[in-house]
Amino acid sequence: MSQPAAKAENLFDLSGQLAMVTGASRGLGQYFARALARAGADLILTSRRSAEIAPFAEQMRALGREVFLVDLDVREQSSMEQMGQQVEALGRQVHILVNNAGCNVRKPALDVRWEDWNLVLDTNLRGSFFVAQQIARNMVQHRYGRIVNIGSVTSVAGYAGLGPYCASRGGIRQLTMSLADDWGHFGITVNCLAPGWFQTAQNAVLYEDPEWVEYLTDRIPMKRPGLPNDLDGAVVFLASEASRYVTGQTLLVDGGISTGAVRATRRAASRQGVQQ
């Protein structure tokens, strides 16, 4: 078994490990990659146009990490197969996969087109499965791996106007459990990291509306949307020896919005902790 030897005093140390992060051209993908690099991991970064992430790769190399760039369009079978060949050609064990590539289409359900559905489900769900399959081949050889599928609070809650997206992220949660059972005996853990409401390039337009931001913030027990660095600890935990007996789970990092709680007191009383 090619299991990394974590230092007894630091189960979160990823030194000498190789982590692959898909969808690393922008947004949370780069935050995940940076968190893993700071914990010691070398990186494989994928994007449909890997040349676009060359500047980010240089930032990660400045941390003393090896970084490999791979072109990957998760909607194309040939691209998926070429990615698998490129990763194998590196001749290294892949310890960690962060399955992050994704997209979204926001529309009322009656306006969703066939093409919208296919775009979102093919990218988020089918793409995640076949990326995991390709990288698991490497992990099975070494009988060790940490797969972190990126889900969403929509993995456990439904939101109007996000039909295809909710379906894809709910599917990610179920897929995570299935793969955890499939690959656990190879020493591979598979978990789902589910962010709540974080501002990204995909949803930036929503945050331009102050009334909507106020509405959202009021529903989050922590009273603020997430900041990208709020996910650092969670992704390193799921990628490390600290989570060695955790698999098939969905870890929500959402400020508590998934509690679905309805305010049971007047606004002012609620903030003062006064019970009615």
Protein backbone atom coordinates (compact mmCIF):
# COMPACT_ATOMS: atom_id res chain seq x y z
CA MET A 1 0.00 0.00 0.00
CA SER A 2 1.43 3.39 -1.02
CA GLN A 3 -0.10 5.30 1.84
CA PRO A 4 1.60 8.60 2.70
CA ALA A 5 3.26 8.71 6.07
CA ALA A 6 1.64 11.63 7.83
CA LYS A 7 3.63 13.14 10.62
CA ALA A 8 2.18 12.08 13.95
CA GLU A 9 1.87 15.68 15.05
CA ASN A 10 0.23 16.85 11.84
CA LEU A 11 -2.38 14.64 10.18
CA PHE A 12 -3.10 17.49 7.77
CA ASP A 13 0.38 17.50 6.22
CA LEU A 14 0.22 16.78 2.47
CA SER A 15 3.95 17.02 1.78
CA GLY A 16 5.08 14.79 -1.08
CA GLN A 17 1.54 14.09 -2.26
CA LEU A 18 0.09 14.86 -5.68
CA ALA A 19 -3.35 16.45 -5.89
CA MET A 20 -5.43 16.95 -9.02
CA VAL A 21 -7.94 19.81 -9.11
CA THR A 22 -10.32 20.07 -12.06
CA GLY A 23 -11.89 23.33 -13.17
CA ALA A 24 -8.93 25.31 -11.86
CA SER A 25 -9.22 28.24 -14.26
CA ARG A 26 -11.05 30.46 -11.78
CA GLY A 27 -13.13 30.68 -8.64
CA LEU A 28 -13.22 28.03 -5.96
CA GLY A 29 -11.03 25.65 -7.95
CA GLN A 30 -8.06 27.94 -7.47
CA TYR A 31 -8.80 28.34 -3.77
CA PHE A 32 -8.91 24.56 -3.35
CA ALA A 33 -5.61 24.21 -5.21
CA ARG A 34 -3.97 26.93 -3.15
CA ALA A 35 -5.11 25.38 0.13
CA LEU A 36 -3.70 21.99 -0.88
CA ALA A 37 -0.44 23.53 -2.05
CA ARG A 38 -0.03 25.39 1.21
CA ALA A 39 -0.52 22.07 3.01
CA GLY A 40 2.39 20.67 0.98
CA ALA A 41 0.83 19.01 -2.08
CA ASP A 42 2.10 19.18 -5.64
CA LEU A 43 -0.63 19.89 -8.17
CA ILE A 44 -2.19 18.75 -11.42
CA LEU A 45 -4.44 21.58 -12.60
CA THR A 46 -6.99 21.10 -15.37
CA SER A 47 -8.95 23.51 -17.49
CA ARG A 48 -10.44 23.45 -20.97
CA ARG A 49 -7.62 25.82 -21.92
CA SER A 50 -4.76 25.10 -19.55
CA ALA A 51 -2.64 27.94 -20.96
CA GLU A 52 -5.05 30.35 -19.27
CA ILE A 53 -4.03 29.10 -15.84
CA ALA A 54 -0.29 29.39 -16.43
CA PRO A 55 -0.04 32.55 -14.25
CA PHE A 56 -1.80 30.78 -11.37
CA ALA A 57 0.47 27.78 -11.82
CA GLU A 58 3.48 30.07 -11.43
CA GLN A 59 2.04 31.35 -8.14
CA MET A 60 1.81 27.76 -6.89
CA ARG A 61 5.36 27.00 -8.04
CA ALA A 62 6.48 30.01 -6.03
CA LEU A 63 5.29 28.09 -2.97
CA GLY A 64 7.84 25.41 -3.85
CA ARG A 65 5.38 23.01 -5.47
CA GLU A 66 5.56 21.05 -8.69
CA VAL A 67 2.64 21.94 -10.95
CA PHE A 68 1.44 20.12 -14.06
CA LEU A 69 -1.15 21.58 -16.46
CA VAL A 70 -3.59 19.36 -18.33
CA ASP A 71 -6.25 20.33 -20.88
CA LEU A 72 -9.60 18.77 -19.95
CA ASP A 73 -13.14 19.26 -21.23
CA VAL A 74 -15.23 17.02 -18.98
CA ARG A 75 -18.03 16.91 -21.57
CA GLU A 76 -15.83 15.23 -24.18
CA GLN A 77 -14.98 11.55 -23.93
CA SER A 78 -11.81 11.90 -25.99
CA SER A 79 -10.59 14.72 -23.76
CA MET A 80 -11.28 12.58 -20.69
CA GLU A 81 -9.26 9.70 -22.11
CA GLN A 82 -6.37 11.96 -23.09
CA MET A 83 -6.33 13.40 -19.58
CA GLY A 84 -6.03 9.90 -18.13
CA GLN A 85 -3.11 9.14 -20.45
CA GLN A 86 -1.34 12.39 -19.56
CA VAL A 87 -1.71 11.77 -15.85
CA GLU A 88 -0.37 8.23 -16.17
CA ALA A 89 2.54 9.52 -18.25
CA LEU A 90 3.68 11.58 -15.26
CA GLY A 91 4.66 8.29 -13.65
CA ARG A 92 3.51 9.44 -10.24
CA GLN A 93 0.95 8.29 -7.74
CA VAL A 94 -2.09 10.57 -7.56
CA HIS A 95 -3.09 10.79 -3.91
CA ILE A 96 -5.91 13.35 -4.10
CA LEU A 97 -8.62 14.35 -6.56
CA VAL A 98 -10.75 17.44 -6.10
CA ASN A 99 -13.57 16.99 -8.61
CA ASN A 100 -14.50 20.65 -9.03
CA ALA A 101 -15.32 21.36 -12.70
CA GLY A 102 -18.91 22.53 -13.02
CA CYS A 103 -21.39 24.98 -14.51
CA ASN A 104 -24.89 26.32 -13.92
CA VAL A 105 -27.93 27.61 -15.81
CA ARG A 106 -30.46 29.70 -13.89
CA LYS A 107 -33.97 29.67 -15.34
CA PRO A 108 -37.54 29.06 -14.22
CA ALA A 109 -38.30 25.37 -14.71
CA LEU A 110 -40.74 26.10 -17.54
CA ASP A 111 -37.98 27.85 -19.49
CA VAL A 112 -35.28 25.17 -19.19
CA ARG A 113 -34.32 23.83 -22.62
CA TRP A 114 -33.10 20.37 -23.51
CA GLU A 115 -29.67 21.87 -24.18
CA ASP A 116 -29.58 23.57 -20.77
CA TRP A 117 -30.26 20.29 -18.99
CA ASN A 118 -27.59 18.44 -20.96
CA LEU A 119 -24.98 21.16 -20.40
CA VAL A 120 -25.38 21.13 -16.63
CA LEU A 121 -25.83 17.39 -16.07
CA ASP A 122 -23.11 16.39 -18.53
CA THR A 123 -20.64 18.78 -16.90
CA ASN A 124 -21.45 18.42 -13.22
CA LEU A 125 -22.57 14.82 -12.89
CA ARG A 126 -21.39 12.75 -15.83
CA GLY A 127 -18.11 14.65 -15.95
CA SER A 128 -17.46 14.11 -12.24
CA PHE A 129 -18.07 10.39 -12.54
CA PHE A 130 -15.72 9.83 -15.44
CA VAL A 131 -12.97 12.03 -13.98
CA ALA A 132 -13.20 10.00 -10.77
CA GLN A 133 -13.11 6.78 -12.80
CA GLN A 134 -9.96 7.83 -14.67
CA ILE A 135 -8.08 8.90 -11.54
CA ALA A 136 -9.32 5.96 -9.47
CA ARG A 137 -7.46 3.65 -11.87
CA ASN A 138 -4.23 5.20 -10.59
CA MET A 139 -5.39 5.13 -6.97
CA VAL A 140 -6.43 1.46 -7.17
CA GLN A 141 -2.93 0.52 -8.32
CA HIS A 142 -1.50 2.09 -5.18
CA ARG A 143 -4.41 1.10 -2.91
CA TYR A 144 -4.77 4.64 -1.61
CA GLY A 145 -6.69 7.75 -2.55
CA ARG A 146 -8.74 10.72 -1.41
CA ILE A 147 -11.52 11.81 -3.77
CA VAL A 148 -13.35 15.02 -2.91
CA ASN A 149 -16.40 15.62 -5.10
CA ILE A 150 -17.60 19.20 -5.00
CA GLY A 151 -21.31 19.39 -4.36
CA SER A 152 -23.38 22.25 -3.02
CA VAL A 153 -25.99 23.11 -0.43
CA THR A 154 -28.31 22.20 -3.34
CA SER A 155 -27.15 18.62 -2.78
CA VAL A 156 -29.53 18.60 0.20
CA ALA A 157 -31.96 21.47 -0.50
CA GLY A 158 -33.98 22.62 -3.48
CA TYR A 159 -34.05 26.14 -4.90
CA ALA A 160 -36.42 27.51 -7.51
CA GLY A 161 -34.79 28.39 -10.81
CA LEU A 162 -32.01 25.82 -10.36
CA GLY A 163 -33.68 22.61 -11.52
CA PRO A 164 -30.82 21.11 -13.56
CA TYR A 165 -28.20 22.30 -11.09
CA CYS A 166 -30.03 20.89 -8.06
CA ALA A 167 -30.48 17.58 -9.90
CA SER A 168 -26.76 17.44 -10.72
CA ARG A 169 -25.63 18.28 -7.19
CA GLY A 170 -28.10 15.90 -5.59
CA GLY A 171 -26.68 13.30 -7.96
CA ILE A 172 -23.17 14.12 -6.79
CA ARG A 173 -24.16 13.31 -3.22
CA GLN A 174 -25.60 9.94 -4.22
CA LEU A 175 -22.66 9.23 -6.53
CA THR A 176 -20.28 9.94 -3.68
CA MET A 177 -21.92 7.30 -1.51
CA SER A 178 -21.90 4.75 -4.30
CA LEU A 179 -18.22 5.26 -5.14
CA ALA A 180 -17.28 5.18 -1.46
CA ASP A 181 -18.75 1.69 -1.29
CA ASP A 182 -17.22 0.66 -4.61
CA TRP A 183 -13.67 1.74 -3.83
CA GLY A 184 -13.36 1.64 -0.05
CA HIS A 185 -11.61 -1.74 -0.04
CA PHE A 186 -8.87 -0.20 -2.20
CA GLY A 187 -8.07 2.31 0.54
CA ILE A 188 -9.86 5.11 -1.33
CA THR A 189 -12.19 7.48 0.48
CA VAL A 190 -14.81 9.42 -1.46
CA ASN A 191 -16.55 12.40 0.12
CA CYS A 192 -18.60 15.37 -1.00
CA LEU A 193 -17.65 18.91 0.02
CA ALA A 194 -20.81 20.99 -0.25
CA PRO A 195 -20.37 24.78 -0.12
CA GLY A 196 -23.29 27.02 0.67
CA TRP A 197 -23.65 30.48 -0.84
CA PHE A 198 -20.24 31.74 -1.95
CA GLN A 199 -19.76 34.53 -4.47
CA THR A 200 -18.09 33.18 -7.61
CA ALA A 201 -17.90 34.15 -11.27
CA GLN A 202 -20.94 31.93 -11.90
CA ASN A 203 -23.23 33.79 -9.51
CA ALA A 204 -21.62 37.24 -9.27
CA VAL A 205 -24.66 38.93 -10.84
CA LEU A 206 -26.81 37.91 -7.87
CA TYR A 207 -24.55 39.75 -5.45
CA GLU A 208 -25.03 42.98 -7.39
CA ASP A 209 -28.55 43.19 -5.91
CA PRO A 210 -28.35 44.56 -2.31
CA GLU A 211 -31.90 43.45 -1.49
CA TRP A 212 -31.12 39.89 -2.51
CA VAL A 213 -27.89 39.89 -0.50
CA GLU A 214 -29.80 41.12 2.56
CA TYR A 215 -32.44 38.43 2.03
CA LEU A 216 -29.77 35.74 1.71
CA THR A 217 -27.76 36.96 4.69
CA ASP A 218 -30.84 36.95 6.91
CA ARG A 219 -31.35 33.24 6.15
CA ILE A 220 -27.78 32.25 7.07
CA PRO A 221 -27.27 31.68 10.81
CA MET A 222 -23.71 33.05 10.56
CA LYS A 223 -25.19 36.19 8.96
CA ARG A 224 -22.85 36.41 6.00
CA PRO A 225 -22.23 34.60 2.71
CA GLY A 226 -19.18 32.38 2.59
CA LEU A 227 -15.67 33.59 1.82
CA PRO A 228 -13.54 31.28 -0.35
CA ASN A 229 -10.99 30.76 2.43
CA ASP A 230 -13.79 29.35 4.60
CA LEU A 231 -13.38 26.15 2.57
CA ASP A 232 -9.63 25.72 3.09
CA GLY A 233 -9.80 23.64 6.25
CA ALA A 234 -12.55 21.39 4.91
CA VAL A 235 -10.80 20.51 1.65
CA VAL A 236 -7.47 19.83 3.39
CA PHE A 237 -9.25 17.69 6.00
CA LEU A 238 -10.96 15.54 3.37
CA ALA A 239 -7.71 15.25 1.40
CA SER A 240 -5.58 14.25 4.36
CA GLU A 241 -4.95 11.42 6.80
CA ALA A 242 -7.10 13.30 9.31
CA SER A 243 -10.16 11.95 7.47
CA ARG A 244 -8.91 8.39 6.92
CA TYR A 245 -12.06 6.79 8.39
CA VAL A 246 -14.50 9.25 6.80
CA THR A 247 -16.06 8.17 3.51
CA GLY A 248 -19.36 8.50 1.67
CA GLN A 249 -20.16 11.67 3.58
CA THR A 250 -21.36 15.13 2.58
CA LEU A 251 -19.65 17.93 4.50
CA LEU A 252 -21.70 21.12 4.32
CA VAL A 253 -19.75 24.36 4.69
CA ASP A 254 -22.66 26.77 4.44
CA GLY A 255 -22.83 28.97 7.51
CA GLY A 256 -25.81 26.92 8.62
CA ILE A 257 -28.26 27.80 5.84
CA SER A 258 -29.04 24.10 5.34
CA THR A 259 -30.68 24.01 8.76
CA GLY A 260 -33.68 25.55 7.00
CA ALA A 261 -34.69 27.21 10.24
CA VAL A 262 -37.51 29.75 10.26
CA ARG A 263 -37.06 32.67 12.65
CA ALA A 264 -39.19 31.89 15.70
CA THR A 265 -38.86 35.34 17.25
CA ARG A 266 -39.22 38.93 16.18
CA ARG A 267 -36.15 40.20 14.36
CA ALA A 268 -34.92 42.43 17.20
CA ALA A 269 -35.66 39.84 19.88
CA SER A 270 -33.91 37.15 17.87
CA ARG A 271 -30.71 39.13 17.72
CA GLN A 272 -30.82 39.80 21.45
CA GLY A 273 -31.39 36.15 22.31
CA VAL A 274 -34.79 36.89 23.87
CA GLN A 275 -37.30 34.04 23.74
CA GLN A 276 -40.94 34.79 23.00
